[in-house]
Structures are given as structure tokens and as C-alpha cells.
Amino acid sequence: MSKASDKKVGFAPVYDENSRILILGSFPSVKSREISFYYGNKQNRFWKMLCGYFAENVPETVEEKKEFLFRRGIALWDMATACEIEGSSDASVKNAELADLSLIFNAARIERILLNGTLAYELFLRENARVEIPYVKLPSTSPANPRFNEAAWRAELDVVFRISK
């Protein structure tokens, strides 16, 4: 039987008043929780894809990653701020506490919301389906997703940043 104490807690959001795009994941993986920052599994395609879009090298440290996000106007958070989870499996997430996105919406002029995978999308819809900011479900950057599509991510980033050729 699960207890509230079995819940794992995610990370604080990364954003500032200059954030233009909000990327929402589901919940940090085991490797991410080990380093206390988003997308800590080196096999996850997130940082390589995002930095590649801007033709930049992937930052090494958490501070460098935050600086990259701030410089590029990207806010980052997970839809589940706490939950019961087995390992890193989105399919095992139970009793999720959802992020209060108004924290970011009230501080920044978010133009678009990108949802990193199915669970992030489903959790988002529970309380945010009527948000007036355009949002889109994208294929998860997780190494467990064989259907990752970088072109879909680039197309959505283009809507705000218009960098890709």
C-alpha cells in the first residue's frame, strides 16, 4: 500500500520574465533526480535537440543549462510536481500533484507551450485545456521512445524562434 511519503518531488520551474516558450515534461527520471535537474539522462535527446536547434553545444553544468534557457527565452518545468513513480516510467506515475502554471503565466509572456510526450500532455489537459496560449503535444525526447521526431520539435520551435533553415 502506498503512503504519501512514497511520493517523489520534482524540481522548481526554470523561467524569468523574458521566457517566451514553456516546455513541460512529465516528471524527472531517476538520473535527473540524481543530478537534481531536468533531462539528466545523457541518452535523453532533449538537450542535444534543443541546443542543436540553436547551433550551440550542450552545456555541461546545471548553471550553464539554466543560463542557456534564460538566454534563449525558454521556461522549463514538469507537469507533475510530485507523484508516486517506479523508476523513470511515465506509465507508473500515480497520484500526481500538478504544476500551477499560473506562476509562469503571471510572470512571463509565454507564446507557446510544448508538451514533451503523452503523459505531460494528459496531465496538462486535466487543468489547463482552456488555456488561451497555443499548446502542442510533441513526441517524447526520452530514450525509451522509438518514435522521437526531431523535425516536429524544430517546426514548433520555429513558430516562436524562426531559426531553422
Protein backbone atom coordinates (compact mmCIF):
# COMPACT_ATOMS: atom_id res chain seq x y z
CA MET A 1 0.00 0.00 0.00
CA SER A 2 1.33 3.43 -0.96
CA LYS A 3 1.64 6.26 1.51
CA ALA A 4 2.01 9.97 0.86
CA SER A 5 5.63 9.59 1.98
CA ASP A 6 6.21 7.38 -1.08
CA LYS A 7 5.81 10.43 -3.28
CA LYS A 8 8.86 11.77 -5.02
CA VAL A 9 9.18 15.50 -5.55
CA GLY A 10 10.22 17.15 -8.79
CA PHE A 11 12.08 20.38 -9.44
CA ALA A 12 11.22 24.05 -9.29
CA PRO A 13 10.40 25.67 -12.62
CA VAL A 14 13.09 27.50 -14.56
CA TYR A 15 11.75 30.76 -16.01
CA ASP A 16 12.01 34.52 -15.89
CA GLU A 17 10.09 37.49 -17.27
CA ASN A 18 11.75 37.02 -20.67
CA SER A 19 10.54 33.43 -21.16
CA ARG A 20 8.58 33.11 -24.42
CA ILE A 21 8.12 29.37 -24.73
CA LEU A 22 7.25 26.87 -22.00
CA ILE A 23 8.40 23.27 -22.33
CA LEU A 24 6.62 20.88 -19.98
CA GLY A 25 7.76 17.35 -19.28
CA SER A 26 6.03 14.74 -17.17
CA PHE A 27 8.29 14.04 -14.14
CA PRO A 28 12.08 13.80 -13.68
CA SER A 29 13.75 10.48 -14.43
CA VAL A 30 15.88 8.66 -11.87
CA LYS A 31 19.03 10.09 -13.46
CA SER A 32 17.56 13.58 -13.47
CA ARG A 33 16.67 13.23 -9.78
CA GLU A 34 20.26 12.13 -9.09
CA ILE A 35 21.64 15.40 -10.51
CA SER A 36 18.65 17.50 -9.38
CA PHE A 37 17.93 18.95 -12.81
CA TYR A 38 15.86 18.36 -15.90
CA TYR A 39 16.77 15.76 -18.51
CA GLY A 40 19.78 14.38 -16.66
CA ASN A 41 19.88 11.10 -18.58
CA LYS A 42 22.62 11.59 -21.19
CA GLN A 43 20.64 9.31 -23.53
CA ASN A 44 17.65 11.65 -23.44
CA ARG A 45 17.53 13.68 -26.63
CA PHE A 46 16.26 16.88 -25.00
CA TRP A 47 19.44 18.93 -24.54
CA LYS A 48 21.06 17.73 -27.77
CA MET A 49 17.90 18.56 -29.75
CA LEU A 50 17.28 21.93 -28.11
CA CYS A 51 20.89 23.14 -28.22
CA GLY A 52 21.25 21.78 -31.76
CA TYR A 53 18.28 23.89 -32.83
CA PHE A 54 20.19 27.00 -31.74
CA ALA A 55 23.50 25.63 -33.13
CA GLU A 56 25.05 25.59 -29.66
CA ASN A 57 26.97 22.96 -27.75
CA VAL A 58 25.16 21.23 -24.92
CA PRO A 59 26.00 22.95 -21.63
CA GLU A 60 27.82 20.78 -19.09
CA THR A 61 26.61 22.10 -15.73
CA VAL A 62 23.18 22.84 -14.28
CA GLU A 63 24.09 26.54 -14.06
CA GLU A 64 25.15 26.59 -17.72
CA LYS A 65 21.90 24.88 -18.71
CA LYS A 66 19.88 27.46 -16.77
CA GLU A 67 21.85 30.28 -18.38
CA PHE A 68 21.11 28.77 -21.82
CA LEU A 69 17.38 28.58 -21.04
CA PHE A 70 17.25 32.18 -19.77
CA ARG A 71 19.28 33.49 -22.72
CA ARG A 72 17.00 31.72 -25.20
CA GLY A 73 13.70 32.67 -23.52
CA ILE A 74 12.77 29.12 -22.62
CA ALA A 75 10.85 28.16 -19.47
CA LEU A 76 11.10 24.56 -18.29
CA TRP A 77 9.00 22.59 -15.81
CA ASP A 78 7.26 19.25 -15.36
CA MET A 79 3.50 18.80 -15.15
CA ALA A 80 3.81 16.50 -12.12
CA THR A 81 5.49 18.34 -9.25
CA ALA A 82 5.22 15.26 -7.03
CA CYS A 83 3.99 11.72 -7.59
CA GLU A 84 4.45 8.06 -6.89
CA ILE A 85 6.62 6.54 -9.60
CA GLU A 86 8.54 3.32 -10.21
CA GLY A 87 11.95 4.09 -11.65
CA SER A 88 11.57 6.51 -14.55
CA SER A 89 8.46 5.01 -16.15
CA ASP A 90 5.74 7.50 -17.05
CA ALA A 91 3.34 4.56 -17.17
CA SER A 92 3.86 4.01 -13.43
CA VAL A 93 3.05 7.60 -12.35
CA LYS A 94 0.26 7.69 -9.75
CA ASN A 95 -1.28 10.36 -7.54
CA ALA A 96 0.39 13.21 -9.38
CA GLU A 97 0.29 16.70 -7.93
CA LEU A 98 0.07 19.09 -10.85
CA ALA A 99 2.13 22.18 -11.54
CA ASP A 100 0.41 25.52 -11.01
CA LEU A 101 1.26 27.05 -14.37
CA SER A 102 -0.14 30.43 -13.34
CA LEU A 103 3.22 31.04 -11.61
CA ILE A 104 4.84 31.21 -15.03
CA PHE A 105 1.89 32.71 -16.91
CA ASN A 106 1.75 35.63 -14.44
CA ALA A 107 5.49 36.33 -14.70
CA ALA A 108 6.27 35.79 -18.39
CA ARG A 109 4.67 36.38 -21.76
CA ILE A 110 4.54 32.76 -22.89
CA GLU A 111 3.71 32.49 -26.59
CA ARG A 112 3.61 28.70 -26.94
CA ILE A 113 3.58 25.59 -24.75
CA LEU A 114 5.37 22.42 -25.89
CA LEU A 115 4.41 19.22 -24.11
CA ASN A 116 7.18 16.64 -24.07
CA GLY A 117 5.31 13.37 -24.52
CA THR A 118 1.91 11.83 -23.88
CA LEU A 119 1.86 11.93 -20.07
CA ALA A 120 2.87 15.62 -19.98
CA TYR A 121 0.04 16.31 -22.44
CA GLU A 122 -2.54 14.29 -20.50
CA LEU A 123 -1.61 15.91 -17.17
CA PHE A 124 -1.67 19.36 -18.79
CA LEU A 125 -5.20 18.81 -20.10
CA ARG A 126 -6.52 17.94 -16.63
CA GLU A 127 -6.42 21.56 -15.51
CA ASN A 128 -5.23 23.62 -18.47
CA ALA A 129 -7.24 22.55 -21.52
CA ARG A 130 -8.84 26.01 -21.74
CA VAL A 131 -5.61 27.99 -21.56
CA GLU A 132 -5.52 30.56 -24.34
CA ILE A 133 -1.83 30.05 -25.10
CA PRO A 134 -1.32 27.68 -28.06
CA TYR A 135 -0.08 24.28 -26.92
CA VAL A 136 1.03 21.15 -28.72
CA LYS A 137 1.87 17.58 -27.79
CA LEU A 138 5.27 16.52 -29.14
CA PRO A 139 6.97 13.12 -29.22
CA SER A 140 8.86 12.46 -26.01
CA THR A 141 12.60 13.05 -26.07
CA SER A 142 13.03 10.04 -23.77
CA PRO A 143 15.46 7.35 -24.89
CA ALA A 144 12.58 4.90 -24.32
CA ASN A 145 10.60 6.49 -27.19
CA PRO A 146 11.46 4.89 -30.55
CA ARG A 147 9.16 7.36 -32.36
CA PHE A 148 11.05 10.53 -31.43
CA ASN A 149 10.77 13.07 -34.24
CA GLU A 150 13.23 15.96 -34.10
CA ALA A 151 11.63 17.62 -37.14
CA ALA A 152 8.36 18.00 -35.20
CA TRP A 153 10.22 19.74 -32.36
CA ARG A 154 12.09 22.02 -34.77
CA ALA A 155 8.86 23.00 -36.52
CA GLU A 156 7.28 24.00 -33.22
CA LEU A 157 10.37 25.90 -32.07
CA ASP A 158 10.27 27.71 -35.43
CA VAL A 159 6.82 29.09 -34.58
CA VAL A 160 8.41 31.21 -31.84
CA PHE A 161 12.08 31.44 -32.78
CA ARG A 162 12.10 31.01 -36.59
CA ILE A 163 15.75 29.92 -36.73
CA SER A 164 15.79 26.62 -38.64
CA LYS A 165 16.62 26.67 -42.31
